[in-house]
Amino acid sequence: MSIQPGNLIKTTRAAVGCPEGTVGLITEHHSVLGGDGHRIVVYVVKLHGIGNTRRFLEQDLEVLSEATL
């Protein structure tokens, strides 16, 4: 499954103020240039229950439900 805005996800890695397994909604994604010259995709996630927005990398997310457009 590819990650895109509208997908319901859960985090697979804990962060400060965001425990592992927190559910959220992808709101946007950005492609940025990494330090070694390769592209990195950063996902902006609105976290359920916590109410704030955080940025995550793809390896830290698991898709629970894909958006239907």
N, C-alpha and C. Protein backbone atom coordinates (compact mmCIF):
# COMPACT_ATOMS: atom_id res chain seq x y z
N MET A 1 0.84 -1.19 0.00
CA MET A 1 0.00 0.00 0.00
C MET A 1 0.88 1.24 0.00
N SER A 2 0.55 2.18 -0.84
CA SER A 2 1.30 3.44 -0.81
C SER A 2 0.61 4.42 0.14
N ILE A 3 1.39 5.29 0.71
CA ILE A 3 0.86 6.25 1.67
C ILE A 3 0.52 7.53 0.92
N GLN A 4 -0.69 8.03 1.13
CA GLN A 4 -1.14 9.26 0.48
C GLN A 4 -2.11 10.00 1.39
N PRO A 5 -2.33 11.30 1.14
CA PRO A 5 -3.28 12.05 1.97
C PRO A 5 -4.65 11.37 2.01
N GLY A 6 -5.24 11.36 3.20
CA GLY A 6 -6.53 10.72 3.40
C GLY A 6 -6.44 9.32 3.98
N ASN A 7 -5.24 8.73 3.98
CA ASN A 7 -5.06 7.39 4.54
C ASN A 7 -5.11 7.44 6.07
N LEU A 8 -5.71 6.43 6.65
CA LEU A 8 -5.68 6.24 8.10
C LEU A 8 -4.46 5.40 8.41
N ILE A 9 -3.63 5.85 9.34
CA ILE A 9 -2.38 5.16 9.65
C ILE A 9 -2.25 4.93 11.15
N LYS A 10 -1.25 4.12 11.51
CA LYS A 10 -0.82 4.04 12.91
C LYS A 10 0.68 4.13 12.93
N THR A 11 1.21 4.70 14.00
CA THR A 11 2.65 4.86 14.11
C THR A 11 3.27 3.54 14.54
N THR A 12 4.46 3.26 14.02
CA THR A 12 5.16 2.03 14.38
C THR A 12 6.37 2.31 15.25
N ARG A 13 6.54 3.57 15.61
CA ARG A 13 7.67 3.98 16.44
C ARG A 13 7.22 5.08 17.39
N ALA A 14 7.61 4.97 18.64
CA ALA A 14 7.24 5.98 19.63
C ALA A 14 8.06 7.25 19.42
N ALA A 15 7.45 8.38 19.76
CA ALA A 15 8.13 9.68 19.74
C ALA A 15 7.69 10.42 21.00
N VAL A 16 8.36 11.50 21.32
CA VAL A 16 7.99 12.28 22.49
C VAL A 16 6.54 12.75 22.34
N GLY A 17 5.69 12.38 23.29
CA GLY A 17 4.29 12.77 23.27
C GLY A 17 3.42 12.00 22.30
N CYS A 18 3.98 10.97 21.68
CA CYS A 18 3.23 10.17 20.70
C CYS A 18 3.65 8.71 20.84
N PRO A 19 2.88 7.91 21.60
CA PRO A 19 3.26 6.51 21.79
C PRO A 19 3.12 5.68 20.51
N GLU A 20 3.87 4.60 20.45
CA GLU A 20 3.75 3.66 19.34
C GLU A 20 2.32 3.16 19.26
N GLY A 21 1.78 3.05 18.04
CA GLY A 21 0.41 2.58 17.85
C GLY A 21 -0.63 3.68 17.80
N THR A 22 -0.19 4.94 17.88
CA THR A 22 -1.12 6.06 17.79
C THR A 22 -1.72 6.12 16.39
N VAL A 23 -3.02 6.33 16.29
CA VAL A 23 -3.73 6.37 15.02
C VAL A 23 -3.82 7.82 14.55
N GLY A 24 -3.73 8.03 13.24
CA GLY A 24 -3.81 9.38 12.69
C GLY A 24 -4.22 9.36 11.23
N LEU A 25 -4.36 10.56 10.68
CA LEU A 25 -4.77 10.75 9.30
C LEU A 25 -3.70 11.52 8.56
N ILE A 26 -3.27 11.01 7.40
CA ILE A 26 -2.29 11.72 6.58
C ILE A 26 -2.99 12.94 5.99
N THR A 27 -2.42 14.13 6.21
CA THR A 27 -3.02 15.35 5.66
C THR A 27 -2.26 15.88 4.46
N GLU A 28 -0.95 15.64 4.41
CA GLU A 28 -0.14 16.08 3.28
C GLU A 28 1.19 15.34 3.28
N HIS A 29 1.92 15.45 2.18
CA HIS A 29 3.26 14.87 2.11
C HIS A 29 4.16 15.80 1.32
N HIS A 30 5.44 15.77 1.65
CA HIS A 30 6.43 16.63 1.00
C HIS A 30 7.66 15.80 0.67
N SER A 31 8.21 16.05 -0.49
CA SER A 31 9.45 15.41 -0.89
C SER A 31 10.58 16.41 -0.65
N VAL A 32 11.57 16.01 0.15
CA VAL A 32 12.69 16.89 0.47
C VAL A 32 13.99 16.21 0.08
N LEU A 33 15.01 17.00 -0.12
CA LEU A 33 16.32 16.48 -0.50
C LEU A 33 17.11 16.16 0.76
N GLY A 34 17.53 14.90 0.90
CA GLY A 34 18.30 14.46 2.06
C GLY A 34 19.73 14.96 1.99
N GLY A 35 20.45 14.81 3.09
CA GLY A 35 21.82 15.28 3.18
C GLY A 35 22.76 14.63 2.19
N ASP A 36 22.49 13.39 1.80
CA ASP A 36 23.37 12.69 0.86
C ASP A 36 22.86 12.78 -0.58
N GLY A 37 21.88 13.66 -0.83
CA GLY A 37 21.43 13.91 -2.19
C GLY A 37 20.23 13.11 -2.66
N HIS A 38 19.70 12.19 -1.84
CA HIS A 38 18.52 11.44 -2.29
C HIS A 38 17.24 12.04 -1.69
N ARG A 39 16.14 11.78 -2.33
CA ARG A 39 14.85 12.33 -1.91
C ARG A 39 14.27 11.54 -0.74
N ILE A 40 13.69 12.28 0.20
CA ILE A 40 13.01 11.70 1.35
C ILE A 40 11.58 12.24 1.36
N VAL A 41 10.60 11.37 1.55
CA VAL A 41 9.21 11.81 1.64
C VAL A 41 8.84 11.94 3.11
N VAL A 42 8.35 13.11 3.48
CA VAL A 42 7.92 13.39 4.84
C VAL A 42 6.40 13.51 4.83
N TYR A 43 5.74 12.78 5.73
CA TYR A 43 4.28 12.78 5.81
C TYR A 43 3.83 13.60 7.01
N VAL A 44 2.82 14.45 6.80
CA VAL A 44 2.23 15.24 7.88
C VAL A 44 0.99 14.49 8.34
N VAL A 45 0.93 14.19 9.65
CA VAL A 45 -0.12 13.35 10.21
C VAL A 45 -0.87 14.10 11.31
N LYS A 46 -2.19 14.15 11.21
CA LYS A 46 -3.05 14.67 12.27
C LYS A 46 -3.35 13.49 13.19
N LEU A 47 -2.85 13.57 14.43
CA LEU A 47 -2.95 12.45 15.36
C LEU A 47 -4.29 12.46 16.11
N HIS A 48 -4.95 11.33 16.13
CA HIS A 48 -6.24 11.18 16.81
C HIS A 48 -6.01 11.06 18.32
N GLY A 49 -6.82 11.75 19.09
CA GLY A 49 -6.74 11.67 20.53
C GLY A 49 -5.71 12.62 21.13
N ILE A 50 -4.65 12.90 20.39
CA ILE A 50 -3.63 13.84 20.85
C ILE A 50 -3.98 15.23 20.34
N GLY A 51 -4.51 15.28 19.12
CA GLY A 51 -5.00 16.53 18.55
C GLY A 51 -3.96 17.40 17.87
N ASN A 52 -2.72 16.98 17.85
CA ASN A 52 -1.74 17.81 17.17
C ASN A 52 -1.28 17.17 15.87
N THR A 53 -0.45 17.89 15.14
CA THR A 53 0.06 17.43 13.86
C THR A 53 1.55 17.16 14.00
N ARG A 54 2.00 16.05 13.45
CA ARG A 54 3.41 15.66 13.50
C ARG A 54 3.87 15.23 12.12
N ARG A 55 5.18 15.26 11.91
CA ARG A 55 5.77 14.78 10.67
C ARG A 55 6.45 13.43 10.92
N PHE A 56 6.27 12.51 9.97
CA PHE A 56 6.85 11.17 10.09
C PHE A 56 7.44 10.75 8.75
N LEU A 57 8.37 9.81 8.82
CA LEU A 57 8.90 9.16 7.63
C LEU A 57 8.10 7.90 7.35
N GLU A 58 8.17 7.41 6.12
CA GLU A 58 7.37 6.25 5.71
C GLU A 58 7.62 5.03 6.58
N GLN A 59 8.87 4.78 6.98
CA GLN A 59 9.18 3.59 7.77
C GLN A 59 8.58 3.63 9.17
N ASP A 60 8.08 4.79 9.60
CA ASP A 60 7.49 4.93 10.93
C ASP A 60 5.96 4.86 10.90
N LEU A 61 5.39 4.50 9.74
CA LEU A 61 3.93 4.47 9.59
C LEU A 61 3.47 3.15 9.00
N GLU A 62 2.26 2.76 9.37
CA GLU A 62 1.60 1.57 8.81
C GLU A 62 0.20 1.98 8.39
N VAL A 63 -0.16 1.70 7.13
CA VAL A 63 -1.47 2.07 6.60
C VAL A 63 -2.53 1.11 7.17
N LEU A 64 -3.57 1.67 7.76
CA LEU A 64 -4.70 0.88 8.26
C LEU A 64 -5.83 0.84 7.25
N SER A 65 -6.06 1.99 6.57
CA SER A 65 -7.14 2.09 5.61
C SER A 65 -6.77 3.13 4.55
N GLU A 66 -6.90 2.78 3.29
CA GLU A 66 -6.58 3.71 2.22
C GLU A 66 -7.75 4.62 1.92
N ALA A 67 -7.45 5.83 1.51
CA ALA A 67 -8.48 6.80 1.14
C ALA A 67 -9.13 6.36 -0.17
N THR A 68 -10.43 6.58 -0.27
CA THR A 68 -11.13 6.32 -1.52
C THR A 68 -11.59 7.66 -2.08
N LEU A 69 -11.15 7.94 -3.28
CA LEU A 69 -11.47 9.25 -3.90
C LEU A 69 -12.51 9.11 -4.96
